[in-house]
Protein backbone atom coordinates (compact mmCIF):
# COMPACT_ATOMS: atom_id res chain seq x y z
CA UNK A 1 104.67 99.77 86.96
CA UNK A 2 107.58 102.41 88.29
CA UNK A 3 108.52 101.80 91.96
CA UNK A 4 107.80 104.37 94.83
CA UNK A 5 109.91 106.98 96.38
CA UNK A 6 109.98 108.49 99.79
CA UNK A 7 108.03 111.68 100.11
CA UNK A 8 106.25 111.11 97.11
CA UNK A 9 102.56 109.90 96.79
CA UNK A 10 102.01 105.92 96.55
CA UNK A 11 99.68 105.41 93.72
CA UNK A 12 96.18 103.91 94.71
CA UNK A 13 96.99 100.29 94.24
CA UNK A 14 94.33 97.43 94.58
CA UNK A 15 94.97 94.01 95.88
CA UNK A 16 92.63 90.73 96.68
CA UNK A 17 92.54 90.75 101.15
CA UNK A 18 91.55 88.41 103.57
CA UNK A 19 87.65 88.85 104.48
CA UNK A 20 86.40 88.42 100.78
CA UNK A 21 87.54 92.15 100.11
CA UNK A 22 89.72 93.95 97.64
CA UNK A 23 91.39 96.55 99.40
CA UNK A 24 92.49 100.07 97.90
CA UNK A 25 95.03 102.39 99.49
CA UNK A 26 92.34 105.21 99.17
CA UNK A 27 90.14 103.29 101.35
CA UNK A 28 92.27 104.41 104.12
CA UNK A 29 92.94 108.15 103.29
CA UNK A 30 92.79 109.81 106.51
CA UNK A 31 94.56 107.37 108.04
CA UNK A 32 98.50 106.10 108.47
CA UNK A 33 98.95 102.64 106.68
CA UNK A 34 101.71 100.04 107.97
CA UNK A 35 102.18 98.38 104.98
CA UNK A 36 104.43 95.35 105.91
CA UNK A 37 105.82 92.59 103.53
CA UNK A 38 106.84 89.13 104.44
CA UNK A 39 108.18 86.23 102.50
CA UNK A 40 105.66 83.32 103.50
CA UNK A 41 102.91 82.56 105.81
CA UNK A 42 103.21 79.98 108.70
CA UNK A 43 106.96 80.39 108.60
CA UNK A 44 108.59 81.45 112.32
CA UNK A 45 109.91 84.57 111.48
CA UNK A 46 106.85 85.70 109.35
CA UNK A 47 104.36 84.24 112.18
CA UNK A 48 106.48 86.10 114.94
CA UNK A 49 106.44 89.56 113.08
CA UNK A 50 102.59 89.31 112.62
CA UNK A 51 102.14 88.28 116.02
CA UNK A 52 104.11 91.42 117.32
CA UNK A 53 101.81 93.64 115.22
CA UNK A 54 98.58 91.85 116.54
CA UNK A 55 99.91 92.19 120.17
CA UNK A 56 100.39 96.06 119.77
CA UNK A 57 97.72 96.64 117.48
CA UNK A 58 96.05 99.18 120.27
CA UNK A 59 99.04 101.16 119.97
CA UNK A 60 98.84 101.41 116.46
CA UNK A 61 95.10 102.53 116.61
CA UNK A 62 96.24 105.04 118.78
CA UNK A 63 98.40 106.67 116.33
CA UNK A 64 95.60 106.55 113.68
CA UNK A 65 97.32 103.73 112.05
CA UNK A 66 96.11 100.54 110.13
CA UNK A 67 98.32 97.67 109.64
CA UNK A 68 98.40 95.83 106.15
CA UNK A 69 100.35 92.51 105.57
CA UNK A 70 101.56 91.35 102.14
CA UNK A 71 102.76 88.20 100.84
CA UNK A 72 102.63 86.38 97.62
CA UNK A 73 100.70 83.80 99.43
CA UNK A 74 96.83 83.19 98.20
CA UNK A 75 94.06 84.62 99.79
CA UNK A 76 93.06 81.53 100.91
CA UNK A 77 96.47 80.55 102.89
CA UNK A 78 96.09 83.99 104.33
CA UNK A 79 92.67 83.57 105.41
CA UNK A 80 94.00 80.26 107.56
CA UNK A 81 97.06 81.90 108.79
CA UNK A 82 94.95 84.98 110.09
CA UNK A 83 92.47 82.93 111.81
CA UNK A 84 95.05 80.80 113.47
CA UNK A 85 97.18 83.39 114.41
CA UNK A 86 94.13 85.75 115.58
CA UNK A 87 95.42 88.58 113.44
CA UNK A 88 93.07 91.59 113.71
CA UNK A 89 94.37 93.22 110.17
CA UNK A 90 94.05 92.29 106.55
CA UNK A 91 96.49 90.25 104.83
CA UNK A 92 96.90 91.00 101.28
CA UNK A 93 97.56 88.57 98.48
CA UNK A 94 100.39 89.87 96.01
CA UNK A 95 100.38 86.42 93.64
CA UNK A 96 101.29 88.60 90.39
CA UNK A 97 103.74 90.55 92.61
CA UNK A 98 102.25 93.97 91.40
CA UNK A 99 102.81 95.18 94.95
CA UNK A 100 106.30 93.70 95.22
CA UNK A 101 107.45 95.35 92.31
CA UNK A 102 105.79 98.85 93.19
CA UNK A 103 107.71 98.45 96.45
CA UNK A 104 110.84 97.08 95.25
CA UNK A 105 110.94 94.38 97.83
CA UNK A 106 111.86 91.24 95.56
CA UNK A 107 115.23 90.14 95.66
CA UNK A 108 117.71 87.35 95.18
CA UNK A 109 118.26 85.21 98.09
CA UNK A 110 120.41 82.58 99.38
CA UNK A 111 118.07 79.62 100.79
CA UNK A 112 120.07 76.49 101.45
CA UNK A 113 123.03 77.28 99.28
CA UNK A 114 120.75 78.24 96.23
CA UNK A 115 119.84 81.72 94.65
CA UNK A 116 115.92 82.13 94.91
CA UNK A 117 113.66 85.12 94.23
CA UNK A 118 111.79 86.19 97.38
CA UNK A 119 110.36 88.78 99.21
CA UNK A 120 112.83 91.10 101.56
CA UNK A 121 111.18 91.56 104.67
CA UNK A 122 110.29 95.52 104.24
CA UNK A 123 107.94 97.97 105.89
CA UNK A 124 106.54 101.08 104.42
CA UNK A 125 104.61 104.14 106.55
CA UNK A 126 102.07 105.84 104.12
CA UNK A 127 100.84 109.03 105.76
CA UNK A 128 97.35 110.03 105.88
CA UNK A 129 97.56 111.72 102.13
CA UNK A 130 98.67 108.58 100.94
CA UNK A 131 102.36 109.82 100.82
CA UNK A 132 105.53 107.26 101.56
CA UNK A 133 107.05 108.81 104.77
CA UNK A 134 109.39 105.82 105.84
CA UNK A 135 110.49 102.89 105.02
CA UNK A 136 112.51 99.90 106.46
CA UNK A 137 114.19 97.63 104.43
CA UNK A 138 115.87 94.28 105.63
CA UNK A 139 113.70 94.08 108.72
CA UNK A 140 115.05 92.38 111.73
CA UNK A 141 111.77 90.83 113.29
CA UNK A 142 112.75 90.96 117.11
CA UNK A 143 113.08 94.75 117.26
CA UNK A 144 110.79 95.77 114.34
CA UNK A 145 107.21 96.94 115.65
CA UNK A 146 109.04 98.55 118.43
CA UNK A 147 111.13 100.76 115.95
CA UNK A 148 107.88 101.48 113.96
CA UNK A 149 106.12 102.42 116.80
CA UNK A 150 108.76 104.92 117.71
CA UNK A 151 108.50 106.52 114.22
CA UNK A 152 104.87 106.79 114.89
CA UNK A 153 105.52 108.38 117.88
CA UNK A 154 108.04 110.88 116.59
CA UNK A 155 105.81 111.84 113.80
CA UNK A 156 102.69 112.66 115.90
CA UNK A 157 105.13 114.96 117.50
CA UNK A 158 105.96 117.08 114.55
């Protein structure tokens, strides 16, 4: 599978999601899609990032945007995480790393002095026609949701 590029259509992927669903990108035509990749459910940074998206969900809806979180965790683990944190958006399971490879987010990382393969926290903004219009890589959780909302605001001015 090839990787995606800015200003190019994103292939119509399919993934298992919370709520016993299979989500396809084409299900969201006509809406902006915020696709955020995070390393692992129930960890401090990933929990905070999800909460930040949750706490600003009305602002995202005002920009006609949906949020989808992606990690390699199972749907079952996602269900518990989503319920516990009251996330009003779906989490996608990418156990086979197909989405991670498509968006090129699997990187070698240092963890406790060892090299491990993991998801580099990244977010992608896909427009109403399914075109990748912006990407954030090596995301810093603290300011990230504000940056995404700012970009949505800029795009709505164009």
